[in-house]
N, C-alpha and C. Protein backbone atom coordinates (compact mmCIF):
# COMPACT_ATOMS: atom_id res chain seq x y z
N UNK A 1 58.99 -65.84 -87.51
CA UNK A 1 59.50 -64.55 -87.09
C UNK A 1 58.46 -63.47 -87.32
N UNK A 2 57.74 -63.55 -88.42
CA UNK A 2 56.72 -62.56 -88.74
C UNK A 2 55.61 -62.58 -87.68
N UNK A 3 55.21 -63.74 -87.20
CA UNK A 3 54.16 -63.85 -86.19
C UNK A 3 54.63 -63.25 -84.87
N UNK A 4 55.89 -63.43 -84.55
CA UNK A 4 56.42 -62.87 -83.30
C UNK A 4 56.40 -61.34 -83.35
N UNK A 5 56.78 -60.72 -84.47
CA UNK A 5 56.77 -59.27 -84.63
C UNK A 5 55.34 -58.75 -84.55
N UNK A 6 54.40 -59.48 -85.12
CA UNK A 6 53.00 -59.09 -85.07
C UNK A 6 52.48 -59.14 -83.63
N UNK A 7 52.85 -60.16 -82.87
CA UNK A 7 52.45 -60.25 -81.46
C UNK A 7 53.02 -59.11 -80.63
N UNK A 8 54.26 -58.71 -80.91
CA UNK A 8 54.88 -57.60 -80.18
C UNK A 8 54.14 -56.30 -80.49
N UNK A 9 53.82 -56.07 -81.77
CA UNK A 9 53.08 -54.86 -82.16
C UNK A 9 51.70 -54.85 -81.53
N UNK A 10 51.04 -55.98 -81.51
CA UNK A 10 49.71 -56.08 -80.91
C UNK A 10 49.79 -55.79 -79.42
N UNK A 11 50.81 -56.31 -78.77
CA UNK A 11 51.00 -56.06 -77.33
C UNK A 11 51.27 -54.59 -77.05
N UNK A 12 52.08 -53.95 -77.89
CA UNK A 12 52.36 -52.53 -77.72
C UNK A 12 51.11 -51.68 -77.90
N UNK A 13 50.33 -52.00 -78.92
CA UNK A 13 49.09 -51.26 -79.16
C UNK A 13 48.14 -51.44 -77.98
N UNK A 14 48.02 -52.66 -77.47
CA UNK A 14 47.15 -52.91 -76.32
C UNK A 14 47.64 -52.14 -75.09
N UNK A 15 48.94 -52.07 -74.89
CA UNK A 15 49.49 -51.33 -73.76
C UNK A 15 49.22 -49.84 -73.88
N UNK A 16 49.35 -49.29 -75.07
CA UNK A 16 49.09 -47.86 -75.29
C UNK A 16 47.61 -47.57 -75.06
N UNK A 17 46.72 -48.41 -75.54
CA UNK A 17 45.29 -48.22 -75.33
C UNK A 17 44.96 -48.28 -73.84
N UNK A 18 45.52 -49.23 -73.14
CA UNK A 18 45.28 -49.35 -71.70
C UNK A 18 45.79 -48.11 -70.97
N UNK A 19 46.95 -47.62 -71.35
CA UNK A 19 47.51 -46.42 -70.73
C UNK A 19 46.60 -45.21 -70.97
N UNK A 20 46.10 -45.06 -72.18
CA UNK A 20 45.20 -43.95 -72.49
C UNK A 20 43.91 -44.03 -71.67
N UNK A 21 43.39 -45.24 -71.51
CA UNK A 21 42.18 -45.41 -70.70
C UNK A 21 42.44 -45.04 -69.24
N UNK A 22 43.58 -45.43 -68.71
CA UNK A 22 43.92 -45.09 -67.33
C UNK A 22 44.10 -43.59 -67.15
N UNK A 23 44.75 -42.94 -68.10
CA UNK A 23 44.93 -41.49 -68.02
C UNK A 23 43.58 -40.80 -68.09
N UNK A 24 42.71 -41.23 -68.97
CA UNK A 24 41.37 -40.65 -69.09
C UNK A 24 40.57 -40.83 -67.81
N UNK A 25 40.65 -42.00 -67.22
CA UNK A 25 39.93 -42.26 -65.97
C UNK A 25 40.49 -41.38 -64.84
N UNK A 26 41.79 -41.19 -64.82
CA UNK A 26 42.41 -40.33 -63.80
C UNK A 26 41.98 -38.89 -63.94
N UNK A 27 41.91 -38.40 -65.16
CA UNK A 27 41.46 -37.03 -65.40
C UNK A 27 40.00 -36.88 -64.98
N UNK A 28 39.16 -37.84 -65.33
CA UNK A 28 37.74 -37.77 -64.95
C UNK A 28 37.58 -37.79 -63.44
N UNK A 29 38.36 -38.61 -62.76
CA UNK A 29 38.29 -38.68 -61.29
C UNK A 29 38.76 -37.37 -60.66
N UNK A 30 39.84 -36.83 -61.17
CA UNK A 30 40.39 -35.59 -60.62
C UNK A 30 39.45 -34.42 -60.84
N UNK A 31 38.74 -34.41 -61.96
CA UNK A 31 37.82 -33.32 -62.25
C UNK A 31 36.64 -33.33 -61.30
N UNK A 32 36.22 -34.49 -60.85
CA UNK A 32 35.11 -34.60 -59.91
C UNK A 32 33.83 -34.03 -60.49
N UNK A 33 32.89 -33.68 -59.59
CA UNK A 33 31.66 -33.09 -60.07
C UNK A 33 31.82 -31.58 -60.11
N UNK A 34 30.83 -30.91 -60.67
CA UNK A 34 30.87 -29.46 -60.84
C UNK A 34 30.57 -28.79 -59.51
N UNK A 35 31.60 -28.29 -58.82
CA UNK A 35 31.40 -27.68 -57.51
C UNK A 35 30.79 -26.30 -57.62
N UNK A 36 30.69 -25.75 -58.82
CA UNK A 36 30.10 -24.42 -58.96
C UNK A 36 28.58 -24.49 -59.02
N UNK A 37 28.01 -25.68 -59.10
CA UNK A 37 26.56 -25.82 -59.13
C UNK A 37 25.98 -25.41 -57.79
N UNK A 38 24.95 -24.59 -57.82
CA UNK A 38 24.31 -24.11 -56.60
C UNK A 38 23.21 -25.08 -56.19
N UNK A 39 23.06 -25.34 -54.89
CA UNK A 39 21.99 -26.21 -54.41
C UNK A 39 20.62 -25.59 -54.73
N UNK A 40 19.65 -26.43 -54.95
CA UNK A 40 18.30 -25.97 -55.25
C UNK A 40 17.30 -26.73 -54.41
N UNK A 41 16.06 -26.29 -54.42
CA UNK A 41 14.99 -27.00 -53.74
C UNK A 41 14.35 -26.15 -52.65
N UNK A 42 13.28 -26.70 -52.05
CA UNK A 42 12.53 -25.98 -51.03
C UNK A 42 13.39 -25.64 -49.81
N UNK A 43 14.20 -26.57 -49.36
CA UNK A 43 14.99 -26.33 -48.16
C UNK A 43 16.02 -25.23 -48.35
N UNK A 44 16.66 -25.17 -49.51
CA UNK A 44 17.65 -24.12 -49.72
C UNK A 44 16.93 -22.77 -49.82
N UNK A 45 15.72 -22.76 -50.34
CA UNK A 45 14.94 -21.52 -50.39
C UNK A 45 14.59 -21.05 -48.98
N UNK A 46 14.26 -21.99 -48.08
CA UNK A 46 14.00 -21.64 -46.68
C UNK A 46 15.26 -21.10 -46.02
N UNK A 47 16.40 -21.71 -46.32
CA UNK A 47 17.67 -21.24 -45.76
C UNK A 47 18.00 -19.84 -46.26
N UNK A 48 17.77 -19.58 -47.53
CA UNK A 48 18.01 -18.25 -48.09
C UNK A 48 17.12 -17.22 -47.39
N UNK A 49 15.86 -17.56 -47.22
CA UNK A 49 14.91 -16.66 -46.57
C UNK A 49 15.33 -16.35 -45.14
N UNK A 50 15.74 -17.37 -44.39
CA UNK A 50 16.19 -17.17 -43.01
C UNK A 50 17.43 -16.29 -42.96
N UNK A 51 18.35 -16.49 -43.89
CA UNK A 51 19.57 -15.68 -43.92
C UNK A 51 19.25 -14.23 -44.26
N UNK A 52 18.35 -14.01 -45.21
CA UNK A 52 17.98 -12.64 -45.58
C UNK A 52 17.25 -11.95 -44.43
N UNK A 53 16.41 -12.69 -43.71
CA UNK A 53 15.74 -12.12 -42.53
C UNK A 53 16.78 -11.72 -41.48
N UNK A 54 17.77 -12.57 -41.29
CA UNK A 54 18.80 -12.31 -40.28
C UNK A 54 19.66 -11.10 -40.63
N UNK A 55 19.91 -10.88 -41.92
CA UNK A 55 20.77 -9.77 -42.34
C UNK A 55 19.97 -8.53 -42.72
N UNK A 56 18.66 -8.56 -42.47
CA UNK A 56 17.78 -7.43 -42.85
C UNK A 56 17.86 -7.11 -44.33
N UNK A 57 17.86 -8.15 -45.14
CA UNK A 57 17.82 -7.96 -46.59
C UNK A 57 19.16 -8.15 -47.25
N UNK A 58 19.20 -7.77 -48.52
CA UNK A 58 20.38 -7.95 -49.34
C UNK A 58 20.07 -8.93 -50.45
N UNK A 59 21.11 -9.44 -51.06
CA UNK A 59 20.98 -10.41 -52.14
C UNK A 59 21.79 -11.65 -51.82
N UNK A 60 21.23 -12.81 -52.07
CA UNK A 60 21.97 -14.06 -51.89
C UNK A 60 22.91 -14.21 -53.06
N UNK A 61 24.20 -14.32 -52.77
CA UNK A 61 25.21 -14.43 -53.83
C UNK A 61 25.93 -15.77 -53.82
N UNK A 62 25.58 -16.64 -52.87
CA UNK A 62 26.19 -17.97 -52.85
C UNK A 62 25.51 -18.84 -51.81
N UNK A 63 25.46 -20.13 -52.11
CA UNK A 63 24.88 -21.09 -51.17
C UNK A 63 25.74 -22.34 -51.12
N UNK A 64 25.71 -22.99 -49.96
CA UNK A 64 26.46 -24.23 -49.78
C UNK A 64 25.69 -25.11 -48.80
N UNK A 65 25.66 -26.39 -49.08
CA UNK A 65 25.03 -27.35 -48.17
C UNK A 65 26.13 -28.25 -47.63
N UNK A 66 26.07 -28.54 -46.32
CA UNK A 66 27.08 -29.40 -45.72
C UNK A 66 28.35 -28.65 -45.40
N UNK A 67 28.24 -27.38 -45.11
CA UNK A 67 29.39 -26.55 -44.77
C UNK A 67 29.96 -26.99 -43.42
N UNK A 68 31.24 -26.77 -43.20
CA UNK A 68 31.88 -27.19 -41.95
C UNK A 68 31.42 -26.36 -40.75
N UNK A 69 30.86 -25.18 -40.98
CA UNK A 69 30.42 -24.33 -39.88
C UNK A 69 28.92 -24.40 -39.62
N UNK A 70 28.21 -25.16 -40.41
CA UNK A 70 26.77 -25.31 -40.27
C UNK A 70 26.25 -26.14 -41.42
N UNK A 71 24.99 -26.53 -41.33
CA UNK A 71 24.46 -27.35 -42.42
C UNK A 71 24.32 -26.54 -43.70
N UNK A 72 23.87 -25.28 -43.56
CA UNK A 72 23.76 -24.39 -44.71
C UNK A 72 24.70 -23.21 -44.53
N UNK A 73 25.31 -22.75 -45.61
CA UNK A 73 26.02 -21.48 -45.61
C UNK A 73 25.42 -20.65 -46.72
N UNK A 74 24.93 -19.47 -46.36
CA UNK A 74 24.33 -18.57 -47.32
C UNK A 74 25.16 -17.29 -47.32
N UNK A 75 25.68 -16.93 -48.48
CA UNK A 75 26.43 -15.68 -48.61
C UNK A 75 25.46 -14.60 -49.04
N UNK A 76 25.41 -13.52 -48.25
CA UNK A 76 24.50 -12.42 -48.52
C UNK A 76 25.33 -11.16 -48.77
N UNK A 77 25.01 -10.46 -49.86
CA UNK A 77 25.63 -9.19 -50.17
C UNK A 77 24.62 -8.09 -49.92
N UNK A 78 25.00 -7.13 -49.07
CA UNK A 78 24.08 -6.04 -48.74
C UNK A 78 24.15 -4.96 -49.83
N UNK A 79 23.25 -3.99 -49.73
CA UNK A 79 23.19 -2.92 -50.72
C UNK A 79 24.47 -2.10 -50.77
N UNK A 80 25.21 -2.02 -49.66
CA UNK A 80 26.46 -1.25 -49.66
C UNK A 80 27.65 -2.06 -50.17
N UNK A 81 27.41 -3.32 -50.56
CA UNK A 81 28.46 -4.16 -51.13
C UNK A 81 29.16 -5.06 -50.13
N UNK A 82 28.90 -4.88 -48.84
CA UNK A 82 29.53 -5.76 -47.85
C UNK A 82 28.90 -7.15 -47.93
N UNK A 83 29.67 -8.14 -47.55
CA UNK A 83 29.20 -9.52 -47.62
C UNK A 83 29.27 -10.18 -46.26
N UNK A 84 28.33 -11.09 -46.03
CA UNK A 84 28.31 -11.87 -44.80
C UNK A 84 27.97 -13.31 -45.14
N UNK A 85 28.61 -14.24 -44.43
CA UNK A 85 28.29 -15.65 -44.55
C UNK A 85 27.42 -16.01 -43.35
N UNK A 86 26.20 -16.45 -43.62
CA UNK A 86 25.28 -16.84 -42.56
C UNK A 86 25.25 -18.35 -42.51
N UNK A 87 25.57 -18.92 -41.34
CA UNK A 87 25.60 -20.38 -41.17
C UNK A 87 24.36 -20.79 -40.40
N UNK A 88 23.63 -21.77 -40.94
CA UNK A 88 22.38 -22.23 -40.35
C UNK A 88 22.44 -23.72 -40.08
N UNK A 89 21.65 -24.17 -39.10
CA UNK A 89 21.55 -25.61 -38.86
C UNK A 89 20.45 -26.19 -39.77
N UNK A 90 20.17 -27.48 -39.61
CA UNK A 90 19.18 -28.14 -40.46
C UNK A 90 17.77 -27.60 -40.28
N UNK A 91 17.53 -26.94 -39.12
CA UNK A 91 16.21 -26.38 -38.83
C UNK A 91 16.14 -24.90 -39.18
N UNK A 92 17.13 -24.41 -39.92
CA UNK A 92 17.19 -23.03 -40.42
C UNK A 92 17.39 -22.01 -39.31
N UNK A 93 17.98 -22.42 -38.21
CA UNK A 93 18.31 -21.51 -37.12
C UNK A 93 19.74 -21.01 -37.35
N UNK A 94 19.94 -19.70 -37.17
CA UNK A 94 21.25 -19.10 -37.39
C UNK A 94 22.22 -19.56 -36.31
N UNK A 95 23.35 -20.09 -36.74
CA UNK A 95 24.41 -20.52 -35.83
C UNK A 95 25.44 -19.40 -35.66
N UNK A 96 25.97 -18.91 -36.78
CA UNK A 96 26.95 -17.83 -36.76
C UNK A 96 26.78 -16.98 -38.01
N UNK A 97 27.31 -15.78 -37.92
CA UNK A 97 27.39 -14.90 -39.08
C UNK A 97 28.78 -14.31 -39.09
N UNK A 98 29.46 -14.43 -40.21
CA UNK A 98 30.81 -13.87 -40.30
C UNK A 98 30.89 -12.93 -41.50
N UNK A 99 31.56 -11.82 -41.30
CA UNK A 99 31.75 -10.87 -42.39
C UNK A 99 32.77 -11.43 -43.35
N UNK A 100 32.49 -11.27 -44.62
CA UNK A 100 33.45 -11.65 -45.65
C UNK A 100 34.32 -10.43 -45.88
N UNK A 101 35.59 -10.50 -45.49
CA UNK A 101 36.45 -9.33 -45.45
C UNK A 101 37.10 -8.98 -46.78
N UNK A 102 36.86 -9.76 -47.84
CA UNK A 102 37.43 -9.40 -49.13
C UNK A 102 36.75 -8.14 -49.62
N UNK A 103 37.54 -7.27 -50.23
CA UNK A 103 36.97 -6.06 -50.79
C UNK A 103 37.57 -5.82 -52.17
N UNK A 104 36.90 -5.02 -52.99
CA UNK A 104 37.43 -4.74 -54.33
C UNK A 104 38.77 -4.02 -54.29
N UNK A 105 39.11 -3.37 -53.14
CA UNK A 105 40.37 -2.65 -53.04
C UNK A 105 41.55 -3.55 -52.76
N UNK A 106 41.28 -4.83 -52.38
CA UNK A 106 42.38 -5.75 -52.09
C UNK A 106 43.19 -5.98 -53.36
N UNK A 107 44.51 -5.77 -53.23
CA UNK A 107 45.40 -5.97 -54.37
C UNK A 107 46.47 -6.96 -53.97
N UNK A 108 46.81 -7.85 -54.87
CA UNK A 108 47.88 -8.80 -54.61
C UNK A 108 49.21 -8.11 -54.77
N UNK A 109 50.05 -8.30 -53.79
CA UNK A 109 51.42 -7.80 -53.85
C UNK A 109 52.29 -8.89 -54.46
N UNK A 110 53.46 -8.55 -54.97
CA UNK A 110 54.31 -9.55 -55.63
C UNK A 110 54.63 -10.76 -54.77
N UNK A 111 54.77 -10.61 -53.45
CA UNK A 111 55.14 -11.74 -52.59
C UNK A 111 53.97 -12.36 -51.87
N UNK A 112 52.73 -11.97 -52.19
CA UNK A 112 51.55 -12.57 -51.57
C UNK A 112 51.36 -13.99 -52.06
N UNK A 113 50.86 -14.86 -51.18
CA UNK A 113 50.54 -16.23 -51.57
C UNK A 113 49.08 -16.35 -51.84
């Protein structure tokens, strides 16, 4: 009887350990990689330069590679605070430019989603 109780306890401990490992793996998978990391390298520098030329200056405030609207997306903030997203192809040619319409005056209302 003592051996049977020991086997049950061993089985329970093994099940709890397995469950903890699965939960840990699920959390690691869900966390994914760090999406806040900015792309680097010569090509992204060329894309930044092309975007700044297109917008007649400003500051690059965000970059993305593999964007759905172009290969590169460069967010440029002008001196007056307005923002534009410049979409470029792999050859650094401007595809589209869209104004980023968020402003510091935007306030969330109670029923906003």
